Full PDB file with SEQRES, HELIX, SHEET, SSBOND, CRYST1, ORIGX, SCALE, CONECT and MASTER records, all heavy atoms in Angstrom:
SEQRES   1 A   33  THR ASP GLU THR MET TYR HIS ALA THR PRO GLN THR GLN          
SEQRES   2 A   33  GLY ARG VAL ALA HIS GLU SER VAL ASP LYS LYS THR ALA          
SEQRES   3 A   33  SER ASN ARG ALA ASN ASP ILE                                  
HELIX    1 AA1 GLU A    3  MET A    5  5                                   3    
HELIX    2 AA2 THR A    9  ASP A   22  1                                  14    
CRYST1    1.000    1.000    1.000  90.00  90.00  90.00 P 1           1          
ORIGX1      1.000000  0.000000  0.000000        0.00000                         
ORIGX2      0.000000  1.000000  0.000000        0.00000                         
ORIGX3      0.000000  0.000000  1.000000        0.00000                         
SCALE1      1.000000  0.000000  0.000000        0.00000                         
SCALE2      0.000000  1.000000  0.000000        0.00000                         
SCALE3      0.000000  0.000000  1.000000        0.00000                         
ATOM      1  N   THR A   1       0.902  -1.202   0.039  1.00  0.00           N  
ATOM      2  CA  THR A   1      -0.035  -0.015   0.006  1.00  0.00           C  
ATOM      3  C   THR A   1       0.948   1.250  -0.014  1.00  0.00           C  
ATOM      4  O   THR A   1       2.101   1.185   0.093  1.00  0.00           O  
ATOM      5  CB  THR A   1      -0.909   0.000   1.232  1.00  0.00           C  
ATOM      6  OG1 THR A   1      -0.129   0.150   2.357  1.00  0.00           O  
ATOM      7  CG2 THR A   1      -1.808  -1.163   1.284  1.00  0.00           C  
ATOM      8  N   ASP A   2       0.221   2.401  -0.089  1.00  0.00           N  
ATOM      9  CA  ASP A   2       0.937   3.638  -0.047  1.00  0.00           C  
ATOM     10  C   ASP A   2       1.557   3.832   1.331  1.00  0.00           C  
ATOM     11  O   ASP A   2       0.813   3.845   2.375  1.00  0.00           O  
ATOM     12  CB  ASP A   2      -0.087   4.751  -0.239  1.00  0.00           C  
ATOM     13  CG  ASP A   2       0.447   6.139  -0.301  1.00  0.00           C  
ATOM     14  OD1 ASP A   2       1.716   6.303  -0.146  1.00  0.00           O  
ATOM     15  OD2 ASP A   2      -0.322   7.084  -0.471  1.00  0.00           O  
ATOM     16  N   GLU A   3       2.854   4.028   1.346  1.00  0.00           N  
ATOM     17  CA  GLU A   3       3.668   4.128   2.635  1.00  0.00           C  
ATOM     18  C   GLU A   3       3.206   5.355   3.444  1.00  0.00           C  
ATOM     19  O   GLU A   3       3.352   5.398   4.617  1.00  0.00           O  
ATOM     20  CB  GLU A   3       5.122   4.170   2.368  1.00  0.00           C  
ATOM     21  CG  GLU A   3       5.721   2.955   1.931  1.00  0.00           C  
ATOM     22  CD  GLU A   3       7.236   3.017   1.673  1.00  0.00           C  
ATOM     23  OE1 GLU A   3       7.746   4.181   1.606  1.00  0.00           O  
ATOM     24  OE2 GLU A   3       7.738   1.974   1.532  1.00  0.00           O  
ATOM     25  N   THR A   4       2.597   6.329   2.801  1.00  0.00           N  
ATOM     26  CA  THR A   4       2.183   7.525   3.614  1.00  0.00           C  
ATOM     27  C   THR A   4       1.018   7.220   4.482  1.00  0.00           C  
ATOM     28  O   THR A   4       0.755   7.960   5.366  1.00  0.00           O  
ATOM     29  CB  THR A   4       1.786   8.690   2.552  1.00  0.00           C  
ATOM     30  OG1 THR A   4       0.652   8.261   1.753  1.00  0.00           O  
ATOM     31  CG2 THR A   4       2.963   9.151   1.758  1.00  0.00           C  
ATOM     32  N   MET A   5       0.400   6.029   4.336  1.00  0.00           N  
ATOM     33  CA  MET A   5      -0.640   5.514   5.182  1.00  0.00           C  
ATOM     34  C   MET A   5      -0.086   5.282   6.635  1.00  0.00           C  
ATOM     35  O   MET A   5      -0.779   5.428   7.612  1.00  0.00           O  
ATOM     36  CB  MET A   5      -1.365   4.301   4.717  1.00  0.00           C  
ATOM     37  CG  MET A   5      -2.329   4.563   3.615  1.00  0.00           C  
ATOM     38  SD  MET A   5      -3.126   3.000   3.156  1.00  0.00           S  
ATOM     39  CE  MET A   5      -3.672   2.254   4.597  1.00  0.00           C  
ATOM     40  N   TYR A   6       1.147   4.868   6.668  1.00  0.00           N  
ATOM     41  CA  TYR A   6       1.642   4.496   7.987  1.00  0.00           C  
ATOM     42  C   TYR A   6       3.081   5.015   8.290  1.00  0.00           C  
ATOM     43  O   TYR A   6       3.518   5.033   9.432  1.00  0.00           O  
ATOM     44  CB  TYR A   6       1.721   2.857   8.177  1.00  0.00           C  
ATOM     45  CG  TYR A   6       2.484   2.227   6.971  1.00  0.00           C  
ATOM     46  CD1 TYR A   6       3.831   1.954   7.126  1.00  0.00           C  
ATOM     47  CD2 TYR A   6       1.819   1.793   5.828  1.00  0.00           C  
ATOM     48  CE1 TYR A   6       4.535   1.315   6.128  1.00  0.00           C  
ATOM     49  CE2 TYR A   6       2.556   1.097   4.924  1.00  0.00           C  
ATOM     50  CZ  TYR A   6       3.836   0.945   5.025  1.00  0.00           C  
ATOM     51  OH  TYR A   6       4.515   0.253   3.969  1.00  0.00           O  
ATOM     52  N   HIS A   7       3.828   5.478   7.274  1.00  0.00           N  
ATOM     53  CA  HIS A   7       5.166   6.025   7.575  1.00  0.00           C  
ATOM     54  C   HIS A   7       4.984   7.345   8.299  1.00  0.00           C  
ATOM     55  O   HIS A   7       4.164   8.200   7.937  1.00  0.00           O  
ATOM     56  CB  HIS A   7       6.027   6.277   6.380  1.00  0.00           C  
ATOM     57  CG  HIS A   7       6.808   5.105   5.938  1.00  0.00           C  
ATOM     58  ND1 HIS A   7       7.941   5.162   5.185  1.00  0.00           N  
ATOM     59  CD2 HIS A   7       6.799   3.775   6.463  1.00  0.00           C  
ATOM     60  CE1 HIS A   7       8.489   3.947   5.120  1.00  0.00           C  
ATOM     61  NE2 HIS A   7       7.878   3.139   5.873  1.00  0.00           N  
ATOM     62  N   ALA A   8       5.821   7.553   9.363  1.00  0.00           N  
ATOM     63  CA  ALA A   8       5.879   8.746  10.198  1.00  0.00           C  
ATOM     64  C   ALA A   8       7.197   9.376   9.885  1.00  0.00           C  
ATOM     65  O   ALA A   8       8.065   8.941   9.184  1.00  0.00           O  
ATOM     66  CB  ALA A   8       5.585   8.511  11.600  1.00  0.00           C  
ATOM     67  N   THR A   9       7.467  10.552  10.572  1.00  0.00           N  
ATOM     68  CA  THR A   9       8.645  11.392  10.377  1.00  0.00           C  
ATOM     69  C   THR A   9       9.892  10.455  10.569  1.00  0.00           C  
ATOM     70  O   THR A   9      10.822  10.495   9.802  1.00  0.00           O  
ATOM     71  CB  THR A   9       8.647  12.594  11.387  1.00  0.00           C  
ATOM     72  OG1 THR A   9       7.564  13.319  11.050  1.00  0.00           O  
ATOM     73  CG2 THR A   9       9.875  13.320  11.217  1.00  0.00           C  
ATOM     74  N   PRO A  10       9.951   9.615  11.674  1.00  0.00           N  
ATOM     75  CA  PRO A  10      11.237   8.737  11.812  1.00  0.00           C  
ATOM     76  C   PRO A  10      11.515   7.894  10.650  1.00  0.00           C  
ATOM     77  O   PRO A  10      12.650   7.722  10.276  1.00  0.00           O  
ATOM     78  CB  PRO A  10      10.916   7.957  13.084  1.00  0.00           C  
ATOM     79  CG  PRO A  10       9.957   8.726  13.821  1.00  0.00           C  
ATOM     80  CD  PRO A  10       9.062   9.439  12.767  1.00  0.00           C  
ATOM     81  N   GLN A  11      10.567   7.273  10.007  1.00  0.00           N  
ATOM     82  CA  GLN A  11      10.764   6.427   8.890  1.00  0.00           C  
ATOM     83  C   GLN A  11      11.188   7.206   7.652  1.00  0.00           C  
ATOM     84  O   GLN A  11      12.027   6.835   6.886  1.00  0.00           O  
ATOM     85  CB  GLN A  11       9.458   5.605   8.503  1.00  0.00           C  
ATOM     86  CG  GLN A  11       9.207   4.529   9.528  1.00  0.00           C  
ATOM     87  CD  GLN A  11       8.694   5.038  10.819  1.00  0.00           C  
ATOM     88  OE1 GLN A  11       7.906   6.039  10.885  1.00  0.00           O  
ATOM     89  NE2 GLN A  11       9.134   4.517  11.935  1.00  0.00           N  
ATOM     90  N   THR A  12      10.616   8.412   7.441  1.00  0.00           N  
ATOM     91  CA  THR A  12      10.984   9.260   6.385  1.00  0.00           C  
ATOM     92  C   THR A  12      12.379   9.719   6.536  1.00  0.00           C  
ATOM     93  O   THR A  12      13.184   9.671   5.543  1.00  0.00           O  
ATOM     94  CB  THR A  12      10.065  10.475   6.313  1.00  0.00           C  
ATOM     95  OG1 THR A  12       8.692  10.051   6.166  1.00  0.00           O  
ATOM     96  CG2 THR A  12      10.343  11.413   5.121  1.00  0.00           C  
ATOM     97  N   GLN A  13      12.796  10.143   7.779  1.00  0.00           N  
ATOM     98  CA  GLN A  13      14.168  10.488   8.034  1.00  0.00           C  
ATOM     99  C   GLN A  13      15.086   9.361   7.846  1.00  0.00           C  
ATOM    100  O   GLN A  13      16.246   9.576   7.270  1.00  0.00           O  
ATOM    101  CB  GLN A  13      14.349  11.113   9.465  1.00  0.00           C  
ATOM    102  CG  GLN A  13      13.551  12.435   9.615  1.00  0.00           C  
ATOM    103  CD  GLN A  13      13.515  12.855  11.029  1.00  0.00           C  
ATOM    104  OE1 GLN A  13      13.468  12.061  11.968  1.00  0.00           O  
ATOM    105  NE2 GLN A  13      13.527  14.230  11.292  1.00  0.00           N  
ATOM    106  N   GLY A  14      14.708   8.247   8.240  1.00  0.00           N  
ATOM    107  CA  GLY A  14      15.591   7.001   8.061  1.00  0.00           C  
ATOM    108  C   GLY A  14      15.788   6.676   6.570  1.00  0.00           C  
ATOM    109  O   GLY A  14      16.878   6.352   6.136  1.00  0.00           O  
ATOM    110  N   ARG A  15      14.764   6.843   5.814  1.00  0.00           N  
ATOM    111  CA  ARG A  15      14.863   6.627   4.339  1.00  0.00           C  
ATOM    112  C   ARG A  15      15.823   7.601   3.750  1.00  0.00           C  
ATOM    113  O   ARG A  15      16.629   7.229   2.895  1.00  0.00           O  
ATOM    114  CB  ARG A  15      13.465   6.649   3.698  1.00  0.00           C  
ATOM    115  CG  ARG A  15      13.599   6.545   2.170  1.00  0.00           C  
ATOM    116  CD  ARG A  15      12.331   6.148   1.481  1.00  0.00           C  
ATOM    117  NE  ARG A  15      12.250   4.588   1.844  1.00  0.00           N  
ATOM    118  CZ  ARG A  15      11.007   4.085   2.083  1.00  0.00           C  
ATOM    119  NH1 ARG A  15       9.981   4.816   2.108  1.00  0.00           N  
ATOM    120  NH2 ARG A  15      10.955   2.841   2.346  1.00  0.00           N  
ATOM    121  N   VAL A  16      15.701   8.818   4.111  1.00  0.00           N  
ATOM    122  CA  VAL A  16      16.670   9.838   3.644  1.00  0.00           C  
ATOM    123  C   VAL A  16      18.029   9.534   4.009  1.00  0.00           C  
ATOM    124  O   VAL A  16      18.954   9.668   3.203  1.00  0.00           O  
ATOM    125  CB  VAL A  16      16.200  11.175   4.108  1.00  0.00           C  
ATOM    126  CG1 VAL A  16      17.264  12.284   3.870  1.00  0.00           C  
ATOM    127  CG2 VAL A  16      14.847  11.683   3.466  1.00  0.00           C  
ATOM    128  N   ALA A  17      18.263   9.118   5.272  1.00  0.00           N  
ATOM    129  CA  ALA A  17      19.608   8.732   5.748  1.00  0.00           C  
ATOM    130  C   ALA A  17      20.258   7.601   4.909  1.00  0.00           C  
ATOM    131  O   ALA A  17      21.422   7.522   4.735  1.00  0.00           O  
ATOM    132  CB  ALA A  17      19.584   8.342   7.235  1.00  0.00           C  
ATOM    133  N   HIS A  18      19.392   6.708   4.418  1.00  0.00           N  
ATOM    134  CA  HIS A  18      19.857   5.548   3.661  1.00  0.00           C  
ATOM    135  C   HIS A  18      19.920   5.843   2.149  1.00  0.00           C  
ATOM    136  O   HIS A  18      20.526   5.075   1.415  1.00  0.00           O  
ATOM    137  CB  HIS A  18      18.883   4.372   3.900  1.00  0.00           C  
ATOM    138  CG  HIS A  18      19.379   3.638   5.043  1.00  0.00           C  
ATOM    139  ND1 HIS A  18      19.329   2.194   5.054  1.00  0.00           N  
ATOM    140  CD2 HIS A  18      19.697   3.933   6.328  1.00  0.00           C  
ATOM    141  CE1 HIS A  18      19.726   1.736   6.253  1.00  0.00           C  
ATOM    142  NE2 HIS A  18      19.992   2.758   6.976  1.00  0.00           N  
ATOM    143  N   GLU A  19      19.321   6.919   1.734  1.00  0.00           N  
ATOM    144  CA  GLU A  19      19.394   7.269   0.219  1.00  0.00           C  
ATOM    145  C   GLU A  19      20.702   7.211  -0.363  1.00  0.00           C  
ATOM    146  O   GLU A  19      20.988   6.616  -1.441  1.00  0.00           O  
ATOM    147  CB  GLU A  19      18.653   8.560  -0.029  1.00  0.00           C  
ATOM    148  CG  GLU A  19      17.360   8.461  -0.644  1.00  0.00           C  
ATOM    149  CD  GLU A  19      16.706   9.728  -0.921  1.00  0.00           C  
ATOM    150  OE1 GLU A  19      17.403  10.770  -1.096  1.00  0.00           O  
ATOM    151  OE2 GLU A  19      15.459   9.855  -0.836  1.00  0.00           O  
ATOM    152  N   SER A  20      21.615   7.872   0.300  1.00  0.00           N  
ATOM    153  CA  SER A  20      22.934   8.122  -0.303  1.00  0.00           C  
ATOM    154  C   SER A  20      23.758   6.692  -0.290  1.00  0.00           C  
ATOM    155  O   SER A  20      24.573   6.484  -1.137  1.00  0.00           O  
ATOM    156  CB  SER A  20      23.822   9.105   0.482  1.00  0.00           C  
ATOM    157  OG  SER A  20      24.008   8.770   1.768  1.00  0.00           O  
ATOM    158  N   VAL A  21      23.311   5.846   0.670  1.00  0.00           N  
ATOM    159  CA  VAL A  21      23.961   4.544   0.757  1.00  0.00           C  
ATOM    160  C   VAL A  21      23.377   3.640  -0.454  1.00  0.00           C  
ATOM    161  O   VAL A  21      24.136   2.963  -1.204  1.00  0.00           O  
ATOM    162  CB  VAL A  21      23.761   3.776   2.087  1.00  0.00           C  
ATOM    163  CG1 VAL A  21      24.087   2.334   1.972  1.00  0.00           C  
ATOM    164  CG2 VAL A  21      24.489   4.494   3.196  1.00  0.00           C  
ATOM    165  N   ASP A  22      22.097   3.705  -0.469  1.00  0.00           N  
ATOM    166  CA  ASP A  22      21.429   2.888  -1.562  1.00  0.00           C  
ATOM    167  C   ASP A  22      21.823   3.251  -2.942  1.00  0.00           C  
ATOM    168  O   ASP A  22      21.915   2.486  -3.881  1.00  0.00           O  
ATOM    169  CB  ASP A  22      19.847   3.042  -1.398  1.00  0.00           C  
ATOM    170  CG  ASP A  22      19.302   2.353  -0.067  1.00  0.00           C  
ATOM    171  OD1 ASP A  22      20.081   1.514   0.398  1.00  0.00           O  
ATOM    172  OD2 ASP A  22      18.277   2.731   0.389  1.00  0.00           O  
ATOM    173  N   LYS A  23      22.082   4.582  -3.100  1.00  0.00           N  
ATOM    174  CA  LYS A  23      22.467   5.067  -4.464  1.00  0.00           C  
ATOM    175  C   LYS A  23      24.010   4.972  -4.647  1.00  0.00           C  
ATOM    176  O   LYS A  23      24.513   5.436  -5.588  1.00  0.00           O  
ATOM    177  CB  LYS A  23      22.039   6.526  -4.549  1.00  0.00           C  
ATOM    178  CG  LYS A  23      20.548   6.696  -4.772  1.00  0.00           C  
ATOM    179  CD  LYS A  23      20.226   8.181  -4.921  1.00  0.00           C  
ATOM    180  CE  LYS A  23      18.616   8.258  -5.009  1.00  0.00           C  
ATOM    181  NZ  LYS A  23      18.220   9.691  -5.139  1.00  0.00           N  
ATOM    182  N   LYS A  24      24.701   4.499  -3.567  1.00  0.00           N  
ATOM    183  CA  LYS A  24      26.118   4.374  -3.477  1.00  0.00           C  
ATOM    184  C   LYS A  24      26.824   5.743  -3.694  1.00  0.00           C  
ATOM    185  O   LYS A  24      27.886   5.750  -4.396  1.00  0.00           O  
ATOM    186  CB  LYS A  24      26.608   3.259  -4.458  1.00  0.00           C  
ATOM    187  CG  LYS A  24      25.987   1.988  -4.157  1.00  0.00           C  
ATOM    188  CD  LYS A  24      26.463   0.844  -4.950  1.00  0.00           C  
ATOM    189  CE  LYS A  24      25.829  -0.414  -4.540  1.00  0.00           C  
ATOM    190  NZ  LYS A  24      26.502  -1.592  -5.013  1.00  0.00           N  
ATOM    191  N   THR A  25      26.324   6.783  -3.128  1.00  0.00           N  
ATOM    192  CA  THR A  25      26.969   8.057  -3.212  1.00  0.00           C  
ATOM    193  C   THR A  25      27.417   8.575  -1.861  1.00  0.00           C  
ATOM    194  O   THR A  25      27.874   9.727  -1.672  1.00  0.00           O  
ATOM    195  CB  THR A  25      25.993   9.143  -3.873  1.00  0.00           C  
ATOM    196  OG1 THR A  25      24.797   9.230  -3.022  1.00  0.00           O  
ATOM    197  CG2 THR A  25      25.614   8.800  -5.215  1.00  0.00           C  
ATOM    198  N   ALA A  26      27.279   7.763  -0.814  1.00  0.00           N  
ATOM    199  CA  ALA A  26      27.657   8.162   0.558  1.00  0.00           C  
ATOM    200  C   ALA A  26      29.133   8.281   0.685  1.00  0.00           C  
ATOM    201  O   ALA A  26      29.600   8.976   1.638  1.00  0.00           O  
ATOM    202  CB  ALA A  26      27.157   7.191   1.529  1.00  0.00           C  
ATOM    203  N   SER A  27      29.864   7.678  -0.184  1.00  0.00           N  
ATOM    204  CA  SER A  27      31.344   7.716  -0.062  1.00  0.00           C  
ATOM    205  C   SER A  27      31.923   7.601  -1.468  1.00  0.00           C  
ATOM    206  O   SER A  27      31.412   6.780  -2.244  1.00  0.00           O  
ATOM    207  CB  SER A  27      31.888   6.640   0.872  1.00  0.00           C  
ATOM    208  OG  SER A  27      33.349   6.675   0.769  1.00  0.00           O  
ATOM    209  N   ASN A  28      32.997   8.237  -1.782  1.00  0.00           N  
ATOM    210  CA  ASN A  28      33.640   8.058  -3.006  1.00  0.00           C  
ATOM    211  C   ASN A  28      35.009   7.444  -2.873  1.00  0.00           C  
ATOM    212  O   ASN A  28      35.794   7.327  -3.761  1.00  0.00           O  
ATOM    213  CB  ASN A  28      33.780   9.360  -3.890  1.00  0.00           C  
ATOM    214  CG  ASN A  28      34.627  10.426  -3.070  1.00  0.00           C  
ATOM    215  OD1 ASN A  28      35.105  10.182  -1.978  1.00  0.00           O  
ATOM    216  ND2 ASN A  28      34.650  11.594  -3.648  1.00  0.00           N  
ATOM    217  N   ARG A  29      35.255   6.901  -1.694  1.00  0.00           N  
ATOM    218  CA  ARG A  29      36.472   6.118  -1.375  1.00  0.00           C  
ATOM    219  C   ARG A  29      36.451   4.784  -2.065  1.00  0.00           C  
ATOM    220  O   ARG A  29      35.503   3.979  -1.840  1.00  0.00           O  
ATOM    221  CB  ARG A  29      36.691   6.048   0.128  1.00  0.00           C  
ATOM    222  CG  ARG A  29      36.969   7.362   0.772  1.00  0.00           C  
ATOM    223  CD  ARG A  29      37.396   7.288   2.233  1.00  0.00           C  
ATOM    224  NE  ARG A  29      37.519   8.514   2.872  1.00  0.00           N  
ATOM    225  CZ  ARG A  29      36.917   9.003   3.879  1.00  0.00           C  
ATOM    226  NH1 ARG A  29      35.967   8.315   4.485  1.00  0.00           N  
ATOM    227  NH2 ARG A  29      37.200  10.191   4.334  1.00  0.00           N  
ATOM    228  N   ALA A  30      37.500   4.460  -2.700  1.00  0.00           N  
ATOM    229  CA  ALA A  30      37.612   3.196  -3.418  1.00  0.00           C  
ATOM    230  C   ALA A  30      37.474   1.993  -2.548  1.00  0.00           C  
ATOM    231  O   ALA A  30      37.062   0.898  -2.956  1.00  0.00           O  
ATOM    232  CB  ALA A  30      38.821   3.120  -4.312  1.00  0.00           C  
ATOM    233  N   ASN A  31      37.895   2.151  -1.289  1.00  0.00           N  
ATOM    234  CA  ASN A  31      37.886   1.055  -0.338  1.00  0.00           C  
ATOM    235  C   ASN A  31      36.675   0.902   0.475  1.00  0.00           C  
ATOM    236  O   ASN A  31      36.574   0.065   1.382  1.00  0.00           O  
ATOM    237  CB  ASN A  31      39.159   1.127   0.600  1.00  0.00           C  
ATOM    238  CG  ASN A  31      40.405   0.840  -0.187  1.00  0.00           C  
ATOM    239  OD1 ASN A  31      40.529  -0.162  -0.954  1.00  0.00           O  
ATOM    240  ND2 ASN A  31      41.428   1.703   0.023  1.00  0.00           N  
ATOM    241  N   ASP A  32      35.640   1.786   0.234  1.00  0.00           N  
ATOM    242  CA  ASP A  32      34.434   1.671   0.933  1.00  0.00           C  
ATOM    243  C   ASP A  32      33.408   0.882   0.084  1.00  0.00           C  
ATOM    244  O   ASP A  32      33.177   1.244  -1.051  1.00  0.00           O  
ATOM    245  CB  ASP A  32      33.845   3.100   1.313  1.00  0.00           C  
ATOM    246  CG  ASP A  32      34.605   3.785   2.325  1.00  0.00           C  
ATOM    247  OD1 ASP A  32      35.537   3.123   2.969  1.00  0.00           O  
ATOM    248  OD2 ASP A  32      34.281   4.971   2.529  1.00  0.00           O  
ATOM    249  N   ILE A  33      32.824  -0.032   0.720  1.00  0.00           N  
ATOM    250  CA  ILE A  33      31.745  -0.885  -0.026  1.00  0.00           C  
ATOM    251  C   ILE A  33      30.391  -0.427   0.574  1.00  0.00           C  
ATOM    252  O   ILE A  33      30.206  -0.356   1.809  1.00  0.00           O  
ATOM    253  CB  ILE A  33      31.920  -2.418   0.269  1.00  0.00           C  
ATOM    254  CG1 ILE A  33      33.256  -2.874  -0.300  1.00  0.00           C  
ATOM    255  CG2 ILE A  33      30.723  -3.176  -0.296  1.00  0.00           C  
ATOM    256  CD1 ILE A  33      33.579  -4.282   0.031  1.00  0.00           C  
TER     257      ILE A  33                                                      
MASTER        0    0    0    2    0    0    0    6  256    1    0    3          
END                                                                             
């Protein structure tokens, strides 16, 4: 279902915190996975 039905601020903030990891842009160091 639509996540806005149940997602609250903490989940939205958590998703934003993970965005750069999921897109693999959180680090440009060659040794970071």
